[in-house]
């Protein structure tokens, strides 16, 4: 995966992603809000959402479902 490109698309408001912690190293998450999710198996995942959209009900519901599934 080309995570810098994926993060740029999310920052531009063209989507959302779930990315491993390693994908965030060295990439400044400008305009993004990183939400830690519980460890899922042997991997730690982070959900990235455009900062201004983090409080939208659909985003909150997605994050809640991900946390419930991972936990």
Protein backbone atom coordinates (compact mmCIF):
# COMPACT_ATOMS: atom_id res chain seq x y z
CA UNK A 1 0.00 0.00 0.00
CA UNK A 2 1.05 3.54 -0.63
CA UNK A 3 0.05 4.98 2.73
CA UNK A 4 1.33 8.53 2.09
CA UNK A 5 -1.06 8.71 -0.88
CA UNK A 6 -3.89 7.20 1.16
CA UNK A 7 -3.30 9.70 3.98
CA UNK A 8 -3.24 12.57 1.48
CA UNK A 9 -6.62 11.46 0.10
CA UNK A 10 -8.08 11.27 3.60
CA UNK A 11 -6.68 14.71 4.47
CA UNK A 12 -8.28 16.10 1.30
CA UNK A 13 -11.65 14.77 2.45
CA UNK A 14 -11.90 12.00 -0.14
CA UNK A 15 -12.24 9.06 2.20
CA UNK A 16 -11.21 7.41 5.42
CA UNK A 17 -8.74 4.67 6.20
CA UNK A 18 -7.67 2.19 8.79
CA UNK A 19 -3.90 2.10 8.86
CA UNK A 20 -1.29 0.24 10.87
CA UNK A 21 0.82 2.32 13.25
CA UNK A 22 3.88 1.74 11.07
CA UNK A 23 2.18 3.55 8.18
CA UNK A 24 1.96 6.73 10.29
CA UNK A 25 5.66 6.94 11.12
CA UNK A 26 7.37 9.82 9.38
CA UNK A 27 4.12 11.04 7.85
CA UNK A 28 2.75 14.17 9.52
CA UNK A 29 -1.02 13.71 9.86
CA UNK A 30 -1.80 17.34 8.92
CA UNK A 31 -5.55 17.88 8.86
CA UNK A 32 -6.21 14.40 10.22
CA UNK A 33 -7.41 13.10 13.53
CA UNK A 34 -5.82 9.80 14.50
CA UNK A 35 -7.99 7.61 16.71
CA UNK A 36 -6.36 4.70 18.49
CA UNK A 37 -8.28 1.47 18.24
CA UNK A 38 -7.84 -1.52 20.52
CA UNK A 39 -5.22 -4.01 19.50
CA UNK A 40 -6.75 -6.45 17.01
CA UNK A 41 -4.87 -9.71 17.28
CA UNK A 42 -1.18 -9.10 16.76
CA UNK A 43 -1.64 -5.74 15.06
CA UNK A 44 -2.47 -2.30 16.27
CA UNK A 45 -4.74 -0.33 13.96
CA UNK A 46 -5.50 3.38 13.81
CA UNK A 47 -8.51 4.99 12.21
CA UNK A 48 -7.88 8.25 10.37
CA UNK A 49 -10.68 10.71 9.78
CA UNK A 50 -10.65 14.24 8.40
CA UNK A 51 -10.39 16.43 11.50
CA UNK A 52 -13.59 18.39 10.82
CA UNK A 53 -15.63 15.23 10.31
CA UNK A 54 -14.59 13.26 13.38
CA UNK A 55 -17.79 14.14 15.28
CA UNK A 56 -20.22 13.14 12.51
CA UNK A 57 -22.68 10.49 13.70
CA UNK A 58 -21.72 8.10 10.89
CA UNK A 59 -18.01 8.39 11.77
CA UNK A 60 -18.71 7.92 15.48
CA UNK A 61 -20.85 4.85 14.69
CA UNK A 62 -18.13 3.35 12.49
CA UNK A 63 -15.47 3.86 15.15
CA UNK A 64 -17.74 2.37 17.82
CA UNK A 65 -18.37 -0.69 15.63
CA UNK A 66 -14.65 -1.11 14.98
CA UNK A 67 -13.85 -0.84 18.69
CA UNK A 68 -16.58 -3.37 19.53
CA UNK A 69 -15.36 -5.81 16.90
CA UNK A 70 -11.68 -5.46 17.88
CA UNK A 71 -12.35 -5.67 21.60
